[in-house]
Protein backbone atom coordinates (compact mmCIF):
# COMPACT_ATOMS: atom_id res chain seq x y z
CA MET A 1 122.73 -7.84 -46.19
CA SER A 2 125.38 -9.46 -44.02
CA ARG A 3 127.53 -6.33 -44.47
CA LEU A 4 124.71 -4.35 -42.99
CA PHE A 5 124.15 -6.84 -40.06
CA ARG A 6 128.01 -6.63 -39.32
CA LEU A 7 127.91 -3.01 -39.17
CA PHE A 8 124.81 -3.10 -36.82
CA ALA A 9 126.53 -5.85 -34.59
CA VAL A 10 129.69 -3.52 -34.30
CA LEU A 11 127.75 -0.45 -33.59
CA ALA A 12 125.72 -2.35 -30.81
CA ALA A 13 128.90 -3.53 -29.31
CA LEU A 14 130.24 -0.02 -29.17
CA ILE A 15 127.12 1.27 -27.37
CA VAL A 16 126.32 -1.77 -25.16
CA LEU A 17 129.78 -2.86 -23.86
CA PRO A 18 130.90 0.32 -22.36
CA ALA A 19 127.51 0.78 -20.55
CA ALA A 20 127.81 -2.83 -19.26
CA ALA A 21 131.54 -2.32 -17.99
CA GLY A 22 130.45 0.87 -16.16
CA ALA A 23 127.63 -0.85 -14.39
CA GLN A 24 129.83 -3.75 -13.34
CA GLY A 25 132.62 -1.38 -12.33
CA ALA A 26 130.45 0.60 -9.98
CA ASP A 27 132.10 0.82 -6.53
CA LEU A 28 129.24 -0.04 -4.36
CA GLU A 29 131.34 0.56 -1.09
CA ASN A 30 131.73 4.11 -2.15
CA THR A 31 128.31 4.96 -3.46
CA LEU A 32 125.44 6.20 -1.30
CA TYR A 33 121.70 6.01 -1.93
CA LEU A 34 120.01 9.10 -0.63
CA ASP A 35 116.15 8.75 -0.72
CA LEU A 36 114.23 11.83 -0.75
CA LYS A 37 110.44 12.23 -0.76
CA ASP A 38 110.66 12.73 -4.61
CA GLY A 39 113.19 9.93 -5.47
CA ARG A 40 116.56 8.47 -5.19
CA VAL A 41 119.79 10.31 -5.44
CA VAL A 42 123.00 8.32 -6.03
CA ILE A 43 126.15 9.75 -4.77
CA GLN A 44 129.66 8.68 -5.70
CA LEU A 45 131.96 9.07 -2.66
CA ARG A 46 135.54 10.26 -3.23
CA PRO A 47 137.91 8.59 -0.73
CA ASP A 48 140.66 9.77 -2.99
CA LEU A 49 140.06 13.28 -1.94
CA ALA A 50 138.91 12.81 1.76
CA PRO A 51 139.25 9.39 3.11
CA GLU A 52 138.43 10.27 6.81
CA HIS A 53 135.31 12.24 5.76
CA VAL A 54 134.10 9.29 3.54
CA GLU A 55 134.64 6.84 6.40
CA ARG A 56 132.71 9.15 8.83
CA ILE A 57 129.78 9.46 6.46
CA LYS A 58 129.65 5.75 5.80
CA LYS A 59 129.79 5.01 9.44
CA LEU A 60 126.94 7.28 10.31
CA THR A 61 124.95 6.10 7.33
CA ARG A 62 125.31 2.60 8.39
CA GLU A 63 124.26 3.43 11.92
CA GLY A 64 120.98 4.99 10.44
CA PHE A 65 122.08 8.52 11.72
CA TYR A 66 120.87 10.40 8.68
CA ASP A 67 117.44 8.78 8.39
CA GLY A 68 114.82 11.20 9.11
CA ILE A 69 117.07 14.39 9.51
CA VAL A 70 115.82 17.51 7.87
CA PHE A 71 117.47 19.91 5.42
CA HIS A 72 117.67 22.82 7.90
CA ARG A 73 119.35 25.36 5.55
CA VAL A 74 118.54 25.45 1.81
CA ILE A 75 119.60 28.39 -0.26
CA ASP A 76 118.12 28.64 -3.72
CA GLY A 77 120.93 28.64 -6.34
CA PHE A 78 123.61 27.77 -3.73
CA MET A 79 123.18 24.61 -1.61
CA ALA A 80 121.02 22.38 0.74
CA GLN A 81 122.46 21.63 4.12
CA THR A 82 121.56 18.61 6.32
CA GLY A 83 123.22 16.29 8.82
CA ASP A 84 122.15 18.00 12.13
CA PRO A 85 120.01 15.78 14.46
CA THR A 86 118.64 19.00 16.07
CA GLY A 87 117.55 20.43 12.81
CA THR A 88 119.15 23.86 13.92
CA GLY A 89 122.46 23.64 12.18
CA MET A 90 124.13 23.71 15.64
CA GLY A 91 124.20 19.96 16.19
CA GLY A 92 126.29 16.90 15.18
CA SER A 93 127.09 13.22 15.93
CA SER A 94 128.71 11.94 19.01
CA GLU A 95 131.78 11.34 17.01
CA PRO A 96 134.90 13.72 17.33
CA ASP A 97 135.26 16.50 14.85
CA LEU A 98 137.48 15.76 11.63
CA LYS A 99 140.53 17.37 10.48
CA ALA A 100 140.17 19.20 7.11
CA GLU A 101 140.80 17.34 3.93
CA PHE A 102 140.90 20.20 1.55
CA SER A 103 141.74 19.52 -2.13
CA GLN A 104 141.64 21.17 -5.49
CA ALA A 105 138.43 19.57 -6.40
CA PRO A 106 135.89 22.28 -7.49
CA PHE A 107 132.66 23.01 -5.88
CA LYS A 108 130.31 22.59 -8.66
CA ARG A 109 126.51 21.52 -9.19
CA GLY A 110 126.16 18.26 -7.39
CA THR A 111 129.26 18.35 -5.27
CA LEU A 112 128.86 17.24 -1.82
CA GLY A 113 130.92 19.07 0.87
CA MET A 114 131.30 18.90 4.59
CA ALA A 115 129.87 21.67 6.54
CA ARG A 116 131.86 23.09 9.42
CA ALA A 117 132.18 26.02 12.00
CA ALA A 118 134.79 28.70 11.60
CA SER A 119 137.69 26.19 12.50
CA PRO A 120 138.67 24.19 9.41
CA ASP A 121 139.03 21.15 11.49
CA SER A 122 135.42 21.17 12.89
CA ALA A 123 133.36 19.07 10.41
CA ASN A 124 131.50 16.38 12.02
CA SER A 125 128.15 14.99 10.45
CA GLN A 126 126.77 17.96 8.61
CA PHE A 127 127.00 18.17 4.85
CA PHE A 128 125.77 20.14 1.86
CA ILE A 129 124.83 19.57 -1.74
CA MET A 130 125.67 22.34 -4.20
CA PHE A 131 122.73 23.48 -6.48
CA SER A 132 125.23 25.39 -8.62
CA ASP A 133 129.04 26.04 -9.00
CA GLY A 134 130.58 27.78 -5.94
CA ASP A 135 134.22 28.55 -6.77
CA TRP A 136 134.57 30.58 -3.54
CA LEU A 137 134.38 27.47 -1.59
CA ASN A 138 137.25 25.73 -3.25
CA GLY A 139 140.02 24.90 -0.94
CA GLN A 140 137.88 26.19 2.00
CA TYR A 141 135.75 23.07 2.55
CA THR A 142 136.12 19.39 2.15
CA VAL A 143 134.75 17.86 -1.04
CA PHE A 144 133.83 14.23 -0.34
CA GLY A 145 131.51 13.18 -3.01
CA GLU A 146 129.39 14.01 -6.11
CA ILE A 147 125.87 13.27 -7.35
CA THR A 148 125.86 10.87 -10.46
CA ASP A 149 122.09 10.57 -10.57
CA GLY A 150 118.98 12.14 -9.15
CA MET A 151 120.06 15.83 -8.90
CA GLU A 152 116.45 16.73 -10.10
CA TYR A 153 115.20 15.42 -6.78
CA VAL A 154 117.69 17.62 -4.90
CA ASP A 155 116.42 20.58 -6.80
CA MET A 156 112.96 19.87 -5.38
CA ILE A 157 113.92 20.27 -1.78
CA ALA A 158 112.09 22.92 0.08
CA LYS A 159 113.93 26.20 0.21
CA GLY A 160 114.46 28.44 3.38
CA GLU A 161 116.80 29.08 6.36
CA PRO A 162 115.10 27.24 7.87
CA PRO A 163 112.34 25.94 5.39
CA ALA A 164 108.85 26.58 6.61
CA ASN A 165 108.17 22.77 6.08
CA PRO A 166 111.67 21.25 5.64
CA ASP A 167 112.21 18.22 3.54
CA LYS A 168 114.11 15.29 5.24
CA ILE A 169 116.31 12.33 4.22
CA VAL A 170 113.97 9.49 4.11
CA LYS A 171 116.83 7.02 4.11
CA MET A 172 120.38 6.95 3.49
CA GLN A 173 122.40 3.82 2.81
CA VAL A 174 125.68 2.60 1.51
CA ALA A 175 124.88 0.82 -1.83
CA ALA A 176 126.91 -2.18 -0.81
CA ASP A 177 124.45 -2.81 2.05
CA ALA A 178 121.23 -2.11 0.06
CA GLN A 179 118.77 -4.83 -0.71
């Protein structure tokens, strides 16, 4: 019986300890909570790939810039775009545009990339979330984050260009600031 108990204890330790270590190791300063009407999306920011873009997103998030902004361009099977205070796809923040920070990170389901105009150095506040893989975007747009939880809520965002009744960001916050 004690042999069975020891085996159970070892198995429990192998399962519980890595999960606890992962929870304690979460980088809350580089995690975003994106609250949508259907639930919370957790985003891991990637300052290792795009430090300037991550800083911009966090700055605007902390200012409340994204709260209430609609998803103005949502293409089923491709991506959902937001971050324009005018809701038209033509606007941005009062901050200057960012220089591109392209990387070899692939655009896959759940990746967040910065939207931009024709110039590679024109990203400002708009970003998009990939519904599926988009290899043709690799090296052409800046990857700055990825969804770690809640992608099912992104899948529920109303589709359209623009959507007839667009979903919006209820609230976005840096996890280190969340209560």
